[in-house]
């Protein structure tokens, strides 16, 4: 799961995101999804989410662990 389809991203899932400030370097930040911010079904750069950890906001690059597992 690559995080480009909204239906794959669930609240509580452990994901890797790229923050706006890290887009040039591609540095990933790992955390649990608090809110899904993208309304469209898909997005070519990843679904935008807010993480529980530090309220970080970025685009999902990969799903590490699905919610509830």
Protein backbone atom coordinates (compact mmCIF):
# COMPACT_ATOMS: atom_id res chain seq x y z
CA UNK A 1 0.00 0.00 0.00
CA UNK A 2 1.52 3.24 -1.11
CA UNK A 3 -0.79 5.79 0.54
CA UNK A 4 -2.12 7.33 -2.70
CA UNK A 5 -5.64 5.91 -2.27
CA UNK A 6 -7.75 7.41 0.50
CA UNK A 7 -9.56 4.12 1.19
CA UNK A 8 -6.24 2.48 2.19
CA UNK A 9 -5.42 5.14 4.81
CA UNK A 10 -7.28 4.70 8.10
CA UNK A 11 -7.26 6.67 11.35
CA UNK A 12 -4.90 4.92 13.76
CA UNK A 13 -2.71 3.36 11.05
CA UNK A 14 1.08 3.58 11.41
CA UNK A 15 2.39 5.42 8.34
CA UNK A 16 5.47 7.09 6.91
CA UNK A 17 4.85 10.65 5.70
CA UNK A 18 6.95 13.35 4.12
CA UNK A 19 6.53 16.74 5.76
CA UNK A 20 6.31 19.89 3.60
CA UNK A 21 9.72 21.04 4.84
CA UNK A 22 11.26 17.65 3.93
CA UNK A 23 9.87 17.33 0.40
CA UNK A 24 13.22 18.21 -1.23
CA UNK A 25 15.17 15.63 0.77
CA UNK A 26 12.43 13.00 0.97
CA UNK A 27 13.05 12.48 4.70
CA UNK A 28 10.23 10.38 6.19
CA UNK A 29 8.46 10.84 9.50
CA UNK A 30 6.69 7.86 11.10
CA UNK A 31 3.54 8.14 13.18
CA UNK A 32 -0.10 7.22 13.67
CA UNK A 33 -2.85 8.89 11.65
CA UNK A 34 -4.97 11.26 13.73
CA UNK A 35 -6.97 12.84 10.85
CA UNK A 36 -7.21 12.41 7.09
CA UNK A 37 -7.06 15.83 5.46
CA UNK A 38 -7.39 14.96 1.75
CA UNK A 39 -10.99 14.77 0.58
CA UNK A 40 -10.42 13.29 -2.88
CA UNK A 41 -10.27 9.50 -3.40
CA UNK A 42 -6.70 9.60 -4.71
CA UNK A 43 -3.76 11.98 -4.85
CA UNK A 44 -0.60 11.47 -6.95
CA UNK A 45 1.72 12.69 -4.16
CA UNK A 46 -0.01 10.82 -1.32
CA UNK A 47 -2.99 11.40 0.94
CA UNK A 48 -2.44 14.31 3.33
CA UNK A 49 -2.82 13.37 7.00
CA UNK A 50 -2.22 14.75 10.48
CA UNK A 51 -0.29 12.53 12.87
CA UNK A 52 -1.01 12.03 16.57
CA UNK A 53 2.67 12.60 17.34
CA UNK A 54 3.24 16.36 17.42
CA UNK A 55 0.31 17.12 15.11
CA UNK A 56 2.69 16.77 12.15
CA UNK A 57 1.04 17.17 8.72
CA UNK A 58 2.31 15.55 5.55
CA UNK A 59 1.61 13.20 2.66
CA UNK A 60 1.57 9.44 3.16
CA UNK A 61 4.43 7.67 1.39
CA UNK A 62 3.77 4.23 2.82
CA UNK A 63 1.58 2.34 5.26
CA UNK A 64 3.65 0.44 7.82
CA UNK A 65 0.83 -1.14 9.83
CA UNK A 66 -2.91 -1.00 9.30
CA UNK A 67 -5.15 0.37 12.06
CA UNK A 68 -6.15 -2.16 14.69
CA UNK A 69 -3.46 -4.73 13.93
